[in-house]
ModelCIF file with pLDDT and N, C-alpha, C, O atoms, coordinates in Angstrom:
data_MODEL
#
_entry.id   MODEL 
#
_entity.id                         1 
_entity.type                       polymer 
_entity.pdbx_number_of_molecules   1 
#
_entity_poly.entity_id                      1 
_entity_poly.type                           'polypeptide(L)' 
_entity_poly.nstd_linkage                   no 
_entity_poly.nstd_monomer                   no 
_entity_poly.pdbx_seq_one_letter_code       VIKKNYTEIGKLYYEQYGESPDALFEKQCKAIGNARNGVKELQKK 
_entity_poly.pdbx_seq_one_letter_code_can   VIKKNYTEIGKLYYEQYGESPDALFEKQCKAIGNARNGVKELQKK 
_entity_poly.pdbx_strand_id                 A 
#
loop_
_entity_poly_seq.entity_id 
_entity_poly_seq.num 
_entity_poly_seq.mon_id 
_entity_poly_seq.hetero 
1 1  VAL n 
1 2  ILE n 
1 3  LYS n 
1 4  LYS n 
1 5  ASN n 
1 6  TYR n 
1 7  THR n 
1 8  GLU n 
1 9  ILE n 
1 10 GLY n 
1 11 LYS n 
1 12 LEU n 
1 13 TYR n 
1 14 TYR n 
1 15 GLU n 
1 16 GLN n 
1 17 TYR n 
1 18 GLY n 
1 19 GLU n 
1 20 SER n 
1 21 PRO n 
1 22 ASP n 
1 23 ALA n 
1 24 LEU n 
1 25 PHE n 
1 26 GLU n 
1 27 LYS n 
1 28 GLN n 
1 29 CYS n 
1 30 LYS n 
1 31 ALA n 
1 32 ILE n 
1 33 GLY n 
1 34 ASN n 
1 35 ALA n 
1 36 ARG n 
1 37 ASN n 
1 38 GLY n 
1 39 VAL n 
1 40 LYS n 
1 41 GLU n 
1 42 LEU n 
1 43 GLN n 
1 44 LYS n 
1 45 LYS n 
#
_struct_asym.id          A 
_struct_asym.entity_id   1 
#
loop_
_ma_qa_metric.id 
_ma_qa_metric.mode 
_ma_qa_metric.name 
_ma_qa_metric.software_group_id 
_ma_qa_metric.type 
1 global pLDDT . pLDDT 
2 local  pLDDT . pLDDT 
#
_ma_qa_metric_global.metric_id      1 
_ma_qa_metric_global.metric_value   96.67 
_ma_qa_metric_global.model_id       1 
_ma_qa_metric_global.ordinal_id     1 
#
loop_
_ma_qa_metric_local.label_asym_id 
_ma_qa_metric_local.label_comp_id 
_ma_qa_metric_local.label_seq_id 
_ma_qa_metric_local.metric_id 
_ma_qa_metric_local.metric_value 
_ma_qa_metric_local.model_id 
_ma_qa_metric_local.ordinal_id 
A VAL 1  2 98.00 1 1  
A ILE 2  2 98.00 1 2  
A LYS 3  2 98.00 1 3  
A LYS 4  2 98.00 1 4  
A ASN 5  2 98.00 1 5  
A TYR 6  2 97.00 1 6  
A THR 7  2 97.00 1 7  
A GLU 8  2 98.00 1 8  
A ILE 9  2 97.00 1 9  
A GLY 10 2 96.00 1 10 
A LYS 11 2 97.00 1 11 
A LEU 12 2 97.00 1 12 
A TYR 13 2 97.00 1 13 
A TYR 14 2 97.00 1 14 
A GLU 15 2 96.00 1 15 
A GLN 16 2 97.00 1 16 
A TYR 17 2 96.00 1 17 
A GLY 18 2 95.00 1 18 
A GLU 19 2 94.00 1 19 
A SER 20 2 95.00 1 20 
A PRO 21 2 95.00 1 21 
A ASP 22 2 96.00 1 22 
A ALA 23 2 97.00 1 23 
A LEU 24 2 96.00 1 24 
A PHE 25 2 96.00 1 25 
A GLU 26 2 97.00 1 26 
A LYS 27 2 97.00 1 27 
A GLN 28 2 96.00 1 28 
A CYS 29 2 96.00 1 29 
A LYS 30 2 96.00 1 30 
A ALA 31 2 97.00 1 31 
A ILE 32 2 96.00 1 32 
A GLY 33 2 96.00 1 33 
A ASN 34 2 97.00 1 34 
A ALA 35 2 97.00 1 35 
A ARG 36 2 96.00 1 36 
A ASN 37 2 97.00 1 37 
A GLY 38 2 98.00 1 38 
A VAL 39 2 97.00 1 39 
A LYS 40 2 97.00 1 40 
A GLU 41 2 97.00 1 41 
A LEU 42 2 98.00 1 42 
A GLN 43 2 97.00 1 43 
A LYS 44 2 96.00 1 44 
A LYS 45 2 96.00 1 45 
#
loop_
_atom_site.group_PDB 
_atom_site.id 
_atom_site.type_symbol 
_atom_site.label_atom_id 
_atom_site.label_alt_id 
_atom_site.label_comp_id 
_atom_site.label_asym_id 
_atom_site.label_entity_id 
_atom_site.label_seq_id 
_atom_site.pdbx_PDB_ins_code 
_atom_site.Cartn_x 
_atom_site.Cartn_y 
_atom_site.Cartn_z 
_atom_site.occupancy 
_atom_site.B_iso_or_equiv 
_atom_site.pdbx_formal_charge 
_atom_site.auth_seq_id 
_atom_site.auth_comp_id 
_atom_site.auth_asym_id 
_atom_site.auth_atom_id 
_atom_site.pdbx_PDB_model_num 
ATOM 1   N N  . VAL A 1 1  ? 11.802  -11.489 -4.171  1.00 98.00 ? 1  VAL A N  1 
ATOM 2   C CA . VAL A 1 1  ? 10.858  -12.326 -3.422  1.00 98.00 ? 1  VAL A CA 1 
ATOM 3   C C  . VAL A 1 1  ? 10.217  -11.504 -2.307  1.00 98.00 ? 1  VAL A C  1 
ATOM 4   O O  . VAL A 1 1  ? 9.008   -11.586 -2.088  1.00 98.00 ? 1  VAL A O  1 
ATOM 5   N N  . ILE A 1 2  ? 11.016  -10.722 -1.610  1.00 98.00 ? 2  ILE A N  1 
ATOM 6   C CA . ILE A 1 2  ? 10.492  -9.864  -0.538  1.00 98.00 ? 2  ILE A CA 1 
ATOM 7   C C  . ILE A 1 2  ? 9.477   -8.883  -1.109  1.00 98.00 ? 2  ILE A C  1 
ATOM 8   O O  . ILE A 1 2  ? 8.374   -8.749  -0.581  1.00 98.00 ? 2  ILE A O  1 
ATOM 9   N N  . LYS A 1 3  ? 9.846   -8.201  -2.181  1.00 98.00 ? 3  LYS A N  1 
ATOM 10  C CA . LYS A 1 3  ? 8.960   -7.212  -2.797  1.00 98.00 ? 3  LYS A CA 1 
ATOM 11  C C  . LYS A 1 3  ? 7.646   -7.855  -3.241  1.00 98.00 ? 3  LYS A C  1 
ATOM 12  O O  . LYS A 1 3  ? 6.565   -7.321  -2.993  1.00 98.00 ? 3  LYS A O  1 
ATOM 13  N N  . LYS A 1 4  ? 7.756   -9.007  -3.899  1.00 98.00 ? 4  LYS A N  1 
ATOM 14  C CA . LYS A 1 4  ? 6.559   -9.705  -4.386  1.00 98.00 ? 4  LYS A CA 1 
ATOM 15  C C  . LYS A 1 4  ? 5.636   -10.050 -3.220  1.00 98.00 ? 4  LYS A C  1 
ATOM 16  O O  . LYS A 1 4  ? 4.422   -9.868  -3.310  1.00 98.00 ? 4  LYS A O  1 
ATOM 17  N N  . ASN A 1 5  ? 6.205   -10.541 -2.138  1.00 98.00 ? 5  ASN A N  1 
ATOM 18  C CA . ASN A 1 5  ? 5.386   -10.942 -1.004  1.00 98.00 ? 5  ASN A CA 1 
ATOM 19  C C  . ASN A 1 5  ? 4.826   -9.752  -0.244  1.00 98.00 ? 5  ASN A C  1 
ATOM 20  O O  . ASN A 1 5  ? 3.702   -9.821  0.252   1.00 98.00 ? 5  ASN A O  1 
ATOM 21  N N  . TYR A 1 6  ? 5.577   -8.662  -0.138  1.00 97.00 ? 6  TYR A N  1 
ATOM 22  C CA . TYR A 1 6  ? 5.025   -7.440  0.447   1.00 97.00 ? 6  TYR A CA 1 
ATOM 23  C C  . TYR A 1 6  ? 3.815   -6.983  -0.362  1.00 97.00 ? 6  TYR A C  1 
ATOM 24  O O  . TYR A 1 6  ? 2.787   -6.607  0.200   1.00 97.00 ? 6  TYR A O  1 
ATOM 25  N N  . THR A 1 7  ? 3.946   -7.018  -1.673  1.00 97.00 ? 7  THR A N  1 
ATOM 26  C CA . THR A 1 7  ? 2.851   -6.617  -2.548  1.00 97.00 ? 7  THR A CA 1 
ATOM 27  C C  . THR A 1 7  ? 1.651   -7.532  -2.349  1.00 97.00 ? 7  THR A C  1 
ATOM 28  O O  . THR A 1 7  ? 0.515   -7.063  -2.269  1.00 97.00 ? 7  THR A O  1 
ATOM 29  N N  . GLU A 1 8  ? 1.896   -8.820  -2.271  1.00 98.00 ? 8  GLU A N  1 
ATOM 30  C CA . GLU A 1 8  ? 0.812   -9.781  -2.083  1.00 98.00 ? 8  GLU A CA 1 
ATOM 31  C C  . GLU A 1 8  ? 0.113   -9.561  -0.744  1.00 98.00 ? 8  GLU A C  1 
ATOM 32  O O  . GLU A 1 8  ? -1.113  -9.630  -0.665  1.00 98.00 ? 8  GLU A O  1 
ATOM 33  N N  . ILE A 1 9  ? 0.887   -9.297  0.308   1.00 97.00 ? 9  ILE A N  1 
ATOM 34  C CA . ILE A 1 9  ? 0.298   -9.014  1.619   1.00 97.00 ? 9  ILE A CA 1 
ATOM 35  C C  . ILE A 1 9  ? -0.606  -7.789  1.517   1.00 97.00 ? 9  ILE A C  1 
ATOM 36  O O  . ILE A 1 9  ? -1.727  -7.792  2.023   1.00 97.00 ? 9  ILE A O  1 
ATOM 37  N N  . GLY A 1 10 ? -0.112  -6.746  0.861   1.00 96.00 ? 10 GLY A N  1 
ATOM 38  C CA . GLY A 1 10 ? -0.906  -5.530  0.706   1.00 96.00 ? 10 GLY A CA 1 
ATOM 39  C C  . GLY A 1 10 ? -2.177  -5.778  -0.085  1.00 96.00 ? 10 GLY A C  1 
ATOM 40  O O  . GLY A 1 10 ? -3.241  -5.271  0.270   1.00 96.00 ? 10 GLY A O  1 
ATOM 41  N N  . LYS A 1 11 ? -2.074  -6.548  -1.143  1.00 97.00 ? 11 LYS A N  1 
ATOM 42  C CA . LYS A 1 11 ? -3.241  -6.867  -1.970  1.00 97.00 ? 11 LYS A CA 1 
ATOM 43  C C  . LYS A 1 11 ? -4.273  -7.643  -1.155  1.00 97.00 ? 11 LYS A C  1 
ATOM 44  O O  . LYS A 1 11 ? -5.462  -7.326  -1.185  1.00 97.00 ? 11 LYS A O  1 
ATOM 45  N N  . LEU A 1 12 ? -3.814  -8.655  -0.432  1.00 97.00 ? 12 LEU A N  1 
ATOM 46  C CA . LEU A 1 12 ? -4.722  -9.449  0.391   1.00 97.00 ? 12 LEU A CA 1 
ATOM 47  C C  . LEU A 1 12 ? -5.376  -8.582  1.474   1.00 97.00 ? 12 LEU A C  1 
ATOM 48  O O  . LEU A 1 12 ? -6.569  -8.707  1.748   1.00 97.00 ? 12 LEU A O  1 
ATOM 49  N N  . TYR A 1 13 ? -4.573  -7.700  2.084   1.00 97.00 ? 13 TYR A N  1 
ATOM 50  C CA . TYR A 1 13 ? -5.130  -6.803  3.106   1.00 97.00 ? 13 TYR A CA 1 
ATOM 51  C C  . TYR A 1 13 ? -6.210  -5.926  2.490   1.00 97.00 ? 13 TYR A C  1 
ATOM 52  O O  . TYR A 1 13 ? -7.297  -5.784  3.052   1.00 97.00 ? 13 TYR A O  1 
ATOM 53  N N  . TYR A 1 14 ? -5.912  -5.337  1.331   1.00 97.00 ? 14 TYR A N  1 
ATOM 54  C CA . TYR A 1 14 ? -6.874  -4.445  0.693   1.00 97.00 ? 14 TYR A CA 1 
ATOM 55  C C  . TYR A 1 14 ? -8.157  -5.188  0.345   1.00 97.00 ? 14 TYR A C  1 
ATOM 56  O O  . TYR A 1 14 ? -9.255  -4.685  0.583   1.00 97.00 ? 14 TYR A O  1 
ATOM 57  N N  . GLU A 1 15 ? -8.018  -6.384  -0.219  1.00 96.00 ? 15 GLU A N  1 
ATOM 58  C CA . GLU A 1 15 ? -9.199  -7.166  -0.574  1.00 96.00 ? 15 GLU A CA 1 
ATOM 59  C C  . GLU A 1 15 ? -10.030 -7.512  0.655   1.00 96.00 ? 15 GLU A C  1 
ATOM 60  O O  . GLU A 1 15 ? -11.259 -7.539  0.589   1.00 96.00 ? 15 GLU A O  1 
ATOM 61  N N  . GLN A 1 16 ? -9.366  -7.774  1.772   1.00 97.00 ? 16 GLN A N  1 
ATOM 62  C CA . GLN A 1 16 ? -10.061 -8.176  2.997   1.00 97.00 ? 16 GLN A CA 1 
ATOM 63  C C  . GLN A 1 16 ? -10.607 -6.982  3.777   1.00 97.00 ? 16 GLN A C  1 
ATOM 64  O O  . GLN A 1 16 ? -11.727 -7.035  4.285   1.00 97.00 ? 16 GLN A O  1 
ATOM 65  N N  . TYR A 1 17 ? -9.826  -5.910  3.877   1.00 96.00 ? 17 TYR A N  1 
ATOM 66  C CA . TYR A 1 17 ? -10.182 -4.816  4.782   1.00 96.00 ? 17 TYR A CA 1 
ATOM 67  C C  . TYR A 1 17 ? -10.241 -3.449  4.113   1.00 96.00 ? 17 TYR A C  1 
ATOM 68  O O  . TYR A 1 17 ? -10.399 -2.441  4.800   1.00 96.00 ? 17 TYR A O  1 
ATOM 69  N N  . GLY A 1 18 ? -10.119 -3.391  2.791   1.00 95.00 ? 18 GLY A N  1 
ATOM 70  C CA . GLY A 1 18 ? -10.052 -2.109  2.086   1.00 95.00 ? 18 GLY A CA 1 
ATOM 71  C C  . GLY A 1 18 ? -11.241 -1.203  2.294   1.00 95.00 ? 18 GLY A C  1 
ATOM 72  O O  . GLY A 1 18 ? -11.103 0.020   2.255   1.00 95.00 ? 18 GLY A O  1 
ATOM 73  N N  . GLU A 1 19 ? -12.414 -1.783  2.517   1.00 94.00 ? 19 GLU A N  1 
ATOM 74  C CA . GLU A 1 19 ? -13.616 -0.973  2.733   1.00 94.00 ? 19 GLU A CA 1 
ATOM 75  C C  . GLU A 1 19 ? -13.636 -0.339  4.121   1.00 94.00 ? 19 GLU A C  1 
ATOM 76  O O  . GLU A 1 19 ? -14.219 0.729   4.307   1.00 94.00 ? 19 GLU A O  1 
ATOM 77  N N  . SER A 1 20 ? -13.008 -0.985  5.088   1.00 95.00 ? 20 SER A N  1 
ATOM 78  C CA . SER A 1 20 ? -12.952 -0.432  6.446   1.00 95.00 ? 20 SER A CA 1 
ATOM 79  C C  . SER A 1 20 ? -11.586 -0.738  7.061   1.00 95.00 ? 20 SER A C  1 
ATOM 80  O O  . SER A 1 20 ? -11.476 -1.531  7.996   1.00 95.00 ? 20 SER A O  1 
ATOM 81  N N  . PRO A 1 21 ? -10.552 -0.100  6.520   1.00 95.00 ? 21 PRO A N  1 
ATOM 82  C CA . PRO A 1 21 ? -9.189  -0.406  6.985   1.00 95.00 ? 21 PRO A CA 1 
ATOM 83  C C  . PRO A 1 21 ? -8.904  0.139   8.379   1.00 95.00 ? 21 PRO A C  1 
ATOM 84  O O  . PRO A 1 21 ? -9.566  1.058   8.861   1.00 95.00 ? 21 PRO A O  1 
ATOM 85  N N  . ASP A 1 22 ? -7.927  -0.442  8.989   1.00 96.00 ? 22 ASP A N  1 
ATOM 86  C CA . ASP A 1 22 ? -7.384  0.082   10.224  1.00 96.00 ? 22 ASP A CA 1 
ATOM 87  C C  . ASP A 1 22 ? -6.862  1.488   9.932   1.00 96.00 ? 22 ASP A C  1 
ATOM 88  O O  . ASP A 1 22 ? -6.416  1.762   8.818   1.00 96.00 ? 22 ASP A O  1 
ATOM 89  N N  . ALA A 1 23 ? -6.914  2.365   10.906  1.00 97.00 ? 23 ALA A N  1 
ATOM 90  C CA . ALA A 1 23 ? -6.488  3.760   10.700  1.00 97.00 ? 23 ALA A CA 1 
ATOM 91  C C  . ALA A 1 23 ? -5.071  3.844   10.136  1.00 97.00 ? 23 ALA A C  1 
ATOM 92  O O  . ALA A 1 23 ? -4.758  4.756   9.372   1.00 97.00 ? 23 ALA A O  1 
ATOM 93  N N  . LEU A 1 24 ? -4.227  2.903   10.509  1.00 96.00 ? 24 LEU A N  1 
ATOM 94  C CA . LEU A 1 24 ? -2.841  2.889   10.044  1.00 96.00 ? 24 LEU A CA 1 
ATOM 95  C C  . LEU A 1 24 ? -2.748  2.748   8.517   1.00 96.00 ? 24 LEU A C  1 
ATOM 96  O O  . LEU A 1 24 ? -1.795  3.231   7.906   1.00 96.00 ? 24 LEU A O  1 
ATOM 97  N N  . PHE A 1 25 ? -3.737  2.089   7.907   1.00 96.00 ? 25 PHE A N  1 
ATOM 98  C CA . PHE A 1 25 ? -3.712  1.818   6.469   1.00 96.00 ? 25 PHE A CA 1 
ATOM 99  C C  . PHE A 1 25 ? -4.762  2.596   5.696   1.00 96.00 ? 25 PHE A C  1 
ATOM 100 O O  . PHE A 1 25 ? -4.921  2.399   4.491   1.00 96.00 ? 25 PHE A O  1 
ATOM 101 N N  . GLU A 1 26 ? -5.470  3.469   6.371   1.00 97.00 ? 26 GLU A N  1 
ATOM 102 C CA . GLU A 1 26 ? -6.579  4.189   5.742   1.00 97.00 ? 26 GLU A CA 1 
ATOM 103 C C  . GLU A 1 26 ? -6.136  5.019   4.538   1.00 97.00 ? 26 GLU A C  1 
ATOM 104 O O  . GLU A 1 26 ? -6.785  4.990   3.493   1.00 97.00 ? 26 GLU A O  1 
ATOM 105 N N  . LYS A 1 27 ? -5.049  5.750   4.679   1.00 97.00 ? 27 LYS A N  1 
ATOM 106 C CA . LYS A 1 27 ? -4.562  6.608   3.597   1.00 97.00 ? 27 LYS A CA 1 
ATOM 107 C C  . LYS A 1 27 ? -4.244  5.792   2.347   1.00 97.00 ? 27 LYS A C  1 
ATOM 108 O O  . LYS A 1 27 ? -4.643  6.167   1.244   1.00 97.00 ? 27 LYS A O  1 
ATOM 109 N N  . GLN A 1 28 ? -3.531  4.683   2.512   1.00 96.00 ? 28 GLN A N  1 
ATOM 110 C CA . GLN A 1 28 ? -3.139  3.856   1.381   1.00 96.00 ? 28 GLN A CA 1 
ATOM 111 C C  . GLN A 1 28 ? -4.353  3.187   0.736   1.00 96.00 ? 28 GLN A C  1 
ATOM 112 O O  . GLN A 1 28 ? -4.440  3.110   -0.490  1.00 96.00 ? 28 GLN A O  1 
ATOM 113 N N  . CYS A 1 29 ? -5.278  2.708   1.547   1.00 96.00 ? 29 CYS A N  1 
ATOM 114 C CA . CYS A 1 29 ? -6.471  2.063   0.994   1.00 96.00 ? 29 CYS A CA 1 
ATOM 115 C C  . CYS A 1 29 ? -7.317  3.063   0.228   1.00 96.00 ? 29 CYS A C  1 
ATOM 116 O O  . CYS A 1 29 ? -7.868  2.737   -0.824  1.00 96.00 ? 29 CYS A O  1 
ATOM 117 N N  . LYS A 1 30 ? -7.425  4.278   0.749   1.00 96.00 ? 30 LYS A N  1 
ATOM 118 C CA . LYS A 1 30 ? -8.178  5.322   0.045   1.00 96.00 ? 30 LYS A CA 1 
ATOM 119 C C  . LYS A 1 30 ? -7.503  5.645   -1.286  1.00 96.00 ? 30 LYS A C  1 
ATOM 120 O O  . LYS A 1 30 ? -8.182  5.807   -2.300  1.00 96.00 ? 30 LYS A O  1 
ATOM 121 N N  . ALA A 1 31 ? -6.172  5.739   -1.292  1.00 97.00 ? 31 ALA A N  1 
ATOM 122 C CA . ALA A 1 31 ? -5.427  6.024   -2.521  1.00 97.00 ? 31 ALA A CA 1 
ATOM 123 C C  . ALA A 1 31 ? -5.637  4.912   -3.548  1.00 97.00 ? 31 ALA A C  1 
ATOM 124 O O  . ALA A 1 31 ? -5.787  5.190   -4.738  1.00 97.00 ? 31 ALA A O  1 
ATOM 125 N N  . ILE A 1 32 ? -5.649  3.665   -3.101  1.00 96.00 ? 32 ILE A N  1 
ATOM 126 C CA . ILE A 1 32 ? -5.886  2.540   -4.013  1.00 96.00 ? 32 ILE A CA 1 
ATOM 127 C C  . ILE A 1 32 ? -7.291  2.634   -4.588  1.00 96.00 ? 32 ILE A C  1 
ATOM 128 O O  . ILE A 1 32 ? -7.485  2.464   -5.792  1.00 96.00 ? 32 ILE A O  1 
ATOM 129 N N  . GLY A 1 33 ? -8.264  2.901   -3.737  1.00 96.00 ? 33 GLY A N  1 
ATOM 130 C CA . GLY A 1 33 ? -9.645  3.031   -4.203  1.00 96.00 ? 33 GLY A CA 1 
ATOM 131 C C  . GLY A 1 33 ? -9.784  4.152   -5.226  1.00 96.00 ? 33 GLY A C  1 
ATOM 132 O O  . GLY A 1 33 ? -10.433 3.984   -6.258  1.00 96.00 ? 33 GLY A O  1 
ATOM 133 N N  . ASN A 1 34 ? -9.174  5.287   -4.933  1.00 97.00 ? 34 ASN A N  1 
ATOM 134 C CA . ASN A 1 34 ? -9.228  6.421   -5.867  1.00 97.00 ? 34 ASN A CA 1 
ATOM 135 C C  . ASN A 1 34 ? -8.556  6.067   -7.195  1.00 97.00 ? 34 ASN A C  1 
ATOM 136 O O  . ASN A 1 34 ? -9.073  6.393   -8.264  1.00 97.00 ? 34 ASN A O  1 
ATOM 137 N N  . ALA A 1 35 ? -7.419  5.409   -7.125  1.00 97.00 ? 35 ALA A N  1 
ATOM 138 C CA . ALA A 1 35 ? -6.708  5.027   -8.345  1.00 97.00 ? 35 ALA A CA 1 
ATOM 139 C C  . ALA A 1 35 ? -7.524  4.013   -9.146  1.00 97.00 ? 35 ALA A C  1 
ATOM 140 O O  . ALA A 1 35 ? -7.564  4.087   -10.375 1.00 97.00 ? 35 ALA A O  1 
ATOM 141 N N  . ARG A 1 36 ? -8.165  3.079   -8.472  1.00 96.00 ? 36 ARG A N  1 
ATOM 142 C CA . ARG A 1 36 ? -9.013  2.103   -9.175  1.00 96.00 ? 36 ARG A CA 1 
ATOM 143 C C  . ARG A 1 36 ? -10.173 2.804   -9.885  1.00 96.00 ? 36 ARG A C  1 
ATOM 144 O O  . ARG A 1 36 ? -10.504 2.476   -11.024 1.00 96.00 ? 36 ARG A O  1 
ATOM 145 N N  . ASN A 1 37 ? -10.789 3.777   -9.196  1.00 97.00 ? 37 ASN A N  1 
ATOM 146 C CA . ASN A 1 37 ? -11.862 4.546   -9.827  1.00 97.00 ? 37 ASN A CA 1 
ATOM 147 C C  . ASN A 1 37 ? -11.322 5.319   -11.025 1.00 97.00 ? 37 ASN A C  1 
ATOM 148 O O  . ASN A 1 37 ? -11.980 5.407   -12.062 1.00 97.00 ? 37 ASN A O  1 
ATOM 149 N N  . GLY A 1 38 ? -10.136 5.873   -10.881 1.00 98.00 ? 38 GLY A N  1 
ATOM 150 C CA . GLY A 1 38 ? -9.511  6.587   -11.990 1.00 98.00 ? 38 GLY A CA 1 
ATOM 151 C C  . GLY A 1 38 ? -9.281  5.687   -13.183 1.00 98.00 ? 38 GLY A C  1 
ATOM 152 O O  . GLY A 1 38 ? -9.511  6.090   -14.323 1.00 98.00 ? 38 GLY A O  1 
ATOM 153 N N  . VAL A 1 39 ? -8.828  4.464   -12.930 1.00 97.00 ? 39 VAL A N  1 
ATOM 154 C CA . VAL A 1 39 ? -8.613  3.493   -14.007 1.00 97.00 ? 39 VAL A CA 1 
ATOM 155 C C  . VAL A 1 39 ? -9.929  3.215   -14.724 1.00 97.00 ? 39 VAL A C  1 
ATOM 156 O O  . VAL A 1 39 ? -9.975  3.188   -15.953 1.00 97.00 ? 39 VAL A O  1 
ATOM 157 N N  . LYS A 1 40 ? -10.997 3.008   -13.960 1.00 97.00 ? 40 LYS A N  1 
ATOM 158 C CA . LYS A 1 40 ? -12.304 2.730   -14.565 1.00 97.00 ? 40 LYS A CA 1 
ATOM 159 C C  . LYS A 1 40 ? -12.737 3.888   -15.462 1.00 97.00 ? 40 LYS A C  1 
ATOM 160 O O  . LYS A 1 40 ? -13.196 3.669   -16.583 1.00 97.00 ? 40 LYS A O  1 
ATOM 161 N N  . GLU A 1 41 ? -12.594 5.109   -14.974 1.00 97.00 ? 41 GLU A N  1 
ATOM 162 C CA . GLU A 1 41 ? -12.985 6.279   -15.764 1.00 97.00 ? 41 GLU A CA 1 
ATOM 163 C C  . GLU A 1 41 ? -12.145 6.402   -17.031 1.00 97.00 ? 41 GLU A C  1 
ATOM 164 O O  . GLU A 1 41 ? -12.673 6.686   -18.106 1.00 97.00 ? 41 GLU A O  1 
ATOM 165 N N  . LEU A 1 42 ? -10.864 6.191   -16.904 1.00 98.00 ? 42 LEU A N  1 
ATOM 166 C CA . LEU A 1 42 ? -9.985  6.283   -18.065 1.00 98.00 ? 42 LEU A CA 1 
ATOM 167 C C  . LEU A 1 42 ? -10.281 5.174   -19.070 1.00 98.00 ? 42 LEU A C  1 
ATOM 168 O O  . LEU A 1 42 ? -10.223 5.397   -20.280 1.00 98.00 ? 42 LEU A O  1 
ATOM 169 N N  . GLN A 1 43 ? -10.596 3.985   -18.572 1.00 97.00 ? 43 GLN A N  1 
ATOM 170 C CA . GLN A 1 43 ? -10.941 2.889   -19.477 1.00 97.00 ? 43 GLN A CA 1 
ATOM 171 C C  . GLN A 1 43 ? -12.225 3.209   -20.248 1.00 97.00 ? 43 GLN A C  1 
ATOM 172 O O  . GLN A 1 43 ? -12.341 2.888   -21.430 1.00 97.00 ? 43 GLN A O  1 
ATOM 173 N N  . LYS A 1 44 ? -13.189 3.844   -19.568 1.00 96.00 ? 44 LYS A N  1 
ATOM 174 C CA . LYS A 1 44 ? -14.422 4.269   -20.249 1.00 96.00 ? 44 LYS A CA 1 
ATOM 175 C C  . LYS A 1 44 ? -14.092 5.242   -21.373 1.00 96.00 ? 44 LYS A C  1 
ATOM 176 O O  . LYS A 1 44 ? -14.636 5.137   -22.472 1.00 96.00 ? 44 LYS A O  1 
ATOM 177 N N  . LYS A 1 45 ? -13.199 6.187   -21.094 1.00 96.00 ? 45 LYS A N  1 
ATOM 178 C CA . LYS A 1 45 ? -12.817 7.163   -22.110 1.00 96.00 ? 45 LYS A CA 1 
ATOM 179 C C  . LYS A 1 45 ? -12.130 6.490   -23.298 1.00 96.00 ? 45 LYS A C  1 
ATOM 180 O O  . LYS A 1 45 ? -11.740 7.165   -24.251 1.00 96.00 ? 45 LYS A O  1 
#
C-alpha cells in the first residue's frame, strides 16, 4: 500500500509539475521524460 501510494504521488506530481519541477525533483522528472521519449521511439521501431 505504501509503495503504491508513493508511486501515485510521484505520478500525480509529474503530471502536475513535470514540465517545470522543483529543483529537488528535476533529475527524476527529466529521467521520466527521457524514458517516455525512449518508449515512443522504441514503439515506432
